Amino acid sequence: MQKTLSILITLFISSTAITGFAAANTDRGAMLANTCLGCHGIDGYRNAYPSYRVPKLGGQHEQYIVVALKGYKNKTRSHPTMLAQAGSMSDDDIKSVAAYFAGQGDLQEGSAKSGSAISRGEKKAAVCTACHGAAGVSMMPNWPILAGQHTDYLIQAMSQYQNGDRSDPVMAGQAAALSEQDIKDLAAYFAAQSGLFTSSD
């Protein structure tokens, strides 16, 4: 009986410590994300040059945000501001920020607009579903949700995989086979789907 009681007390203390740590991590993520929201928290905020809207992060997979931030930190992705921001972050900081954005809420309804580019993009997107899921909602946490993302950001990202500014063997191979029109059509299709949203504090 005494041994059982001792085990229960130990489990209670451990679970309390874990819960406290998780809460602290969430609070830290919200605090660290204040800097990120200066760009990612403004709907339609644009990168200066080249001009494209900064990505929506609300609802994105936590694990993928970690992958992306580590890409900037390790310089396998190229962007002056993001290189500076991620370069100063510890691995724990990165996890906390990722948890904050991933926990912002459910995916939001898309524009669901019809158009020739969206129709063409839907047909071309079949090959993308293996990693990015049906309609761009990936079931694998290390691959990004594309649904609802800004059209011009998706064009920028795919172009970076083509020109080597982003390093990923799978995406480099896929993007290499795309024409400029393919990229525009795919971006139009994924942007129109229900998915990501601009985060706010």
Protein backbone atom coordinates (compact mmCIF):
# COMPACT_ATOMS: atom_id res chain seq x y z
CA MET A 1 0.00 0.00 0.00
CA GLN A 2 2.79 2.40 0.92
CA LYS A 3 4.66 1.56 -2.28
CA THR A 4 1.51 2.22 -4.37
CA LEU A 5 0.96 5.54 -2.60
CA SER A 6 4.57 6.51 -3.26
CA ILE A 7 4.18 5.74 -6.98
CA LEU A 8 0.95 7.79 -7.16
CA ILE A 9 2.62 10.76 -5.48
CA THR A 10 5.56 10.54 -7.87
CA LEU A 11 3.21 10.42 -10.87
CA PHE A 12 1.25 13.41 -9.57
CA ILE A 13 4.40 15.47 -9.05
CA SER A 14 5.70 14.51 -12.51
CA SER A 15 2.41 15.36 -14.25
CA THR A 16 2.20 18.68 -12.41
CA ALA A 17 5.74 19.53 -13.50
CA ILE A 18 4.96 18.62 -17.12
CA THR A 19 1.75 20.68 -17.08
CA GLY A 20 3.60 23.63 -15.59
CA PHE A 21 6.34 23.32 -18.21
CA ALA A 22 3.78 23.18 -21.04
CA ALA A 23 2.04 26.31 -19.73
CA ALA A 24 5.36 28.13 -19.43
CA ASN A 25 6.24 27.06 -22.98
CA THR A 26 2.93 28.38 -24.29
CA ASP A 27 3.44 31.69 -22.52
CA ARG A 28 6.99 31.91 -23.85
CA GLY A 29 5.79 31.15 -27.39
CA ALA A 30 3.23 33.97 -27.20
CA MET A 31 5.88 36.36 -25.91
CA LEU A 32 8.43 35.44 -28.59
CA ALA A 33 5.77 35.59 -31.31
CA ASN A 34 5.21 39.31 -30.67
CA THR A 35 8.20 40.01 -32.91
CA CYS A 36 6.85 37.69 -35.62
CA LEU A 37 3.43 39.36 -35.56
CA GLY A 38 5.02 42.60 -36.71
CA CYS A 39 4.90 41.05 -40.20
CA HIS A 40 2.91 37.81 -39.97
CA GLY A 41 0.15 39.34 -37.85
CA ILE A 42 -0.83 42.02 -40.38
CA ASP A 43 -3.27 40.81 -43.01
CA GLY A 44 -1.78 41.36 -46.48
CA TYR A 45 1.60 42.63 -45.19
CA ARG A 46 4.13 42.50 -48.01
CA ASN A 47 7.79 41.69 -48.33
CA ALA A 48 9.52 44.74 -49.80
CA TYR A 49 11.58 43.11 -52.57
CA PRO A 50 10.64 40.97 -54.28
CA SER A 51 7.09 42.04 -53.46
CA TYR A 52 4.84 39.25 -52.16
CA ARG A 53 2.63 38.83 -49.11
CA VAL A 54 4.32 37.23 -46.11
CA PRO A 55 2.95 33.74 -45.36
CA LYS A 56 -0.04 33.04 -43.18
CA LEU A 57 1.07 31.02 -40.15
CA GLY A 58 -2.19 30.54 -38.25
CA GLY A 59 -3.12 26.86 -38.22
CA GLN A 60 0.12 25.69 -39.85
CA HIS A 61 1.62 22.42 -38.61
CA GLU A 62 3.83 22.93 -35.57
CA GLN A 63 6.46 20.49 -36.81
CA TYR A 64 6.61 22.19 -40.20
CA ILE A 65 7.13 25.63 -38.65
CA VAL A 66 10.05 24.11 -36.72
CA VAL A 67 11.45 22.72 -40.00
CA ALA A 68 11.08 26.12 -41.69
CA LEU A 69 12.67 28.12 -38.86
CA LYS A 70 15.57 25.68 -38.64
CA GLY A 71 15.96 26.04 -42.40
CA TYR A 72 16.50 29.78 -41.95
CA LYS A 73 18.73 29.20 -38.94
CA ASN A 74 20.87 26.70 -40.89
CA LYS A 75 20.77 28.92 -44.02
CA THR A 76 19.14 26.31 -46.26
CA ARG A 77 16.49 28.99 -46.84
CA SER A 78 17.26 32.49 -47.96
CA HIS A 79 15.62 35.64 -46.58
CA PRO A 80 17.60 38.41 -44.83
CA THR A 81 15.03 39.19 -42.13
CA MET A 82 14.23 35.55 -41.40
CA LEU A 83 17.91 34.59 -41.33
CA ALA A 84 18.47 37.24 -38.66
CA GLN A 85 15.37 36.33 -36.65
CA ALA A 86 15.83 32.55 -36.70
CA GLY A 87 19.59 32.81 -36.27
CA SER A 88 19.16 34.23 -32.78
CA MET A 89 16.60 31.62 -31.66
CA SER A 90 17.40 28.55 -29.56
CA ASP A 91 15.78 25.21 -30.43
CA ASP A 92 13.42 25.67 -27.47
CA ASP A 93 12.49 29.16 -28.73
CA ILE A 94 11.71 27.71 -32.16
CA LYS A 95 9.49 24.99 -30.66
CA SER A 96 7.65 27.52 -28.49
CA VAL A 97 6.95 29.88 -31.41
CA ALA A 98 5.84 26.97 -33.60
CA ALA A 99 3.45 25.75 -30.89
CA TYR A 100 2.00 29.25 -30.58
CA PHE A 101 1.16 29.64 -34.28
CA ALA A 102 -0.06 26.04 -34.67
CA GLY A 103 -2.41 26.53 -31.73
CA GLN A 104 -4.08 29.68 -33.05
CA GLY A 105 -7.28 27.91 -34.06
CA ASP A 106 -9.03 25.80 -36.69
CA LEU A 107 -8.43 26.19 -40.39
CA GLN A 108 -10.63 28.90 -41.90
CA GLU A 109 -12.98 28.80 -44.86
CA GLY A 110 -11.34 29.66 -48.16
CA SER A 111 -12.41 32.01 -50.91
CA ALA A 112 -13.77 29.09 -53.00
CA LYS A 113 -13.63 31.26 -56.13
CA SER A 114 -13.97 29.61 -59.50
CA GLY A 115 -11.77 30.42 -62.45
CA SER A 116 -9.72 28.88 -65.19
CA ALA A 117 -6.45 29.06 -63.20
CA ILE A 118 -8.05 27.31 -60.21
CA SER A 119 -9.54 24.60 -62.47
CA ARG A 120 -6.19 24.02 -64.17
CA GLY A 121 -4.43 24.02 -60.80
CA GLU A 122 -6.78 21.41 -59.38
CA LYS A 123 -5.87 19.00 -62.20
CA LYS A 124 -2.15 19.69 -61.82
CA ALA A 125 -2.27 19.35 -57.99
CA ALA A 126 -2.82 15.57 -58.08
CA VAL A 127 0.92 14.92 -57.71
CA CYS A 128 1.12 17.32 -54.73
CA THR A 129 -1.46 15.42 -52.65
CA ALA A 130 0.98 12.64 -51.72
CA CYS A 131 2.72 15.02 -49.32
CA HIS A 132 0.45 18.07 -49.05
CA GLY A 133 -2.86 16.22 -48.80
CA ALA A 134 -6.19 16.61 -50.54
CA ALA A 135 -6.93 20.28 -51.27
CA GLY A 136 -3.58 21.20 -49.71
CA VAL A 137 -4.28 20.09 -46.13
CA SER A 138 -1.36 17.84 -45.29
CA MET A 139 -1.91 15.01 -42.82
CA MET A 140 1.85 14.74 -42.27
CA PRO A 141 3.08 17.26 -39.69
CA ASN A 142 6.47 17.83 -41.33
CA TRP A 143 4.90 18.95 -44.64
CA PRO A 144 3.19 22.33 -44.84
CA ILE A 145 -0.50 22.98 -45.23
CA LEU A 146 -0.84 24.91 -48.50
CA ALA A 147 -4.59 25.50 -48.40
CA GLY A 148 -5.54 29.13 -47.89
CA GLN A 149 -1.98 30.42 -48.25
CA HIS A 150 -1.42 33.64 -50.22
CA THR A 151 -1.17 33.06 -53.98
CA ASP A 152 1.90 35.24 -54.43
CA TYR A 153 3.69 33.63 -51.47
CA LEU A 154 3.12 30.16 -52.95
CA ILE A 155 4.51 31.39 -56.29
CA GLN A 156 7.55 32.81 -54.49
CA ALA A 157 8.15 29.58 -52.54
CA MET A 158 7.91 27.30 -55.60
CA SER A 159 10.19 29.65 -57.54
CA GLN A 160 12.76 29.49 -54.72
CA TYR A 161 12.79 25.68 -54.91
CA GLN A 162 13.42 26.01 -58.64
CA ASN A 163 16.31 28.45 -58.34
CA GLY A 164 17.94 26.85 -55.29
CA ASP A 165 17.16 29.56 -52.71
CA ARG A 166 15.40 26.82 -50.75
CA SER A 167 17.03 23.45 -50.29
CA ASP A 168 14.81 20.38 -50.22
CA PRO A 169 15.51 17.39 -52.47
CA VAL A 170 11.84 16.42 -52.89
CA MET A 171 10.57 19.90 -53.65
CA ALA A 172 13.56 20.79 -55.82
CA GLY A 173 12.78 17.79 -58.01
CA GLN A 174 9.06 18.56 -58.19
CA ALA A 175 9.49 22.27 -58.84
CA ALA A 176 12.08 21.70 -61.57
CA ALA A 177 9.41 20.15 -63.77
CA LEU A 178 6.98 23.07 -63.40
CA SER A 179 6.49 25.81 -65.94
CA GLU A 180 5.77 29.39 -64.88
CA GLN A 181 2.11 28.82 -65.78
CA ASP A 182 2.01 25.57 -63.76
CA ILE A 183 3.24 27.46 -60.69
CA LYS A 184 0.61 30.18 -61.11
CA ASP A 185 -2.18 27.63 -61.58
CA LEU A 186 -1.15 25.56 -58.55
CA ALA A 187 -0.84 28.66 -56.39
CA ALA A 188 -4.29 29.86 -57.45
CA TYR A 189 -5.85 26.49 -56.64
CA PHE A 190 -4.29 26.04 -53.20
CA ALA A 191 -4.90 29.67 -52.19
CA ALA A 192 -8.64 29.26 -52.87
CA GLN A 193 -9.03 26.31 -50.48
CA SER A 194 -10.12 26.42 -46.84
CA GLY A 195 -7.04 26.54 -44.66
CA LEU A 196 -4.47 28.89 -43.16
CA PHE A 197 -5.16 32.33 -41.75
CA THR A 198 -3.29 35.43 -40.61
CA SER A 199 -2.49 35.14 -36.91
CA SER A 200 -3.26 37.86 -34.42
CA ASP A 201 -2.33 38.30 -30.76
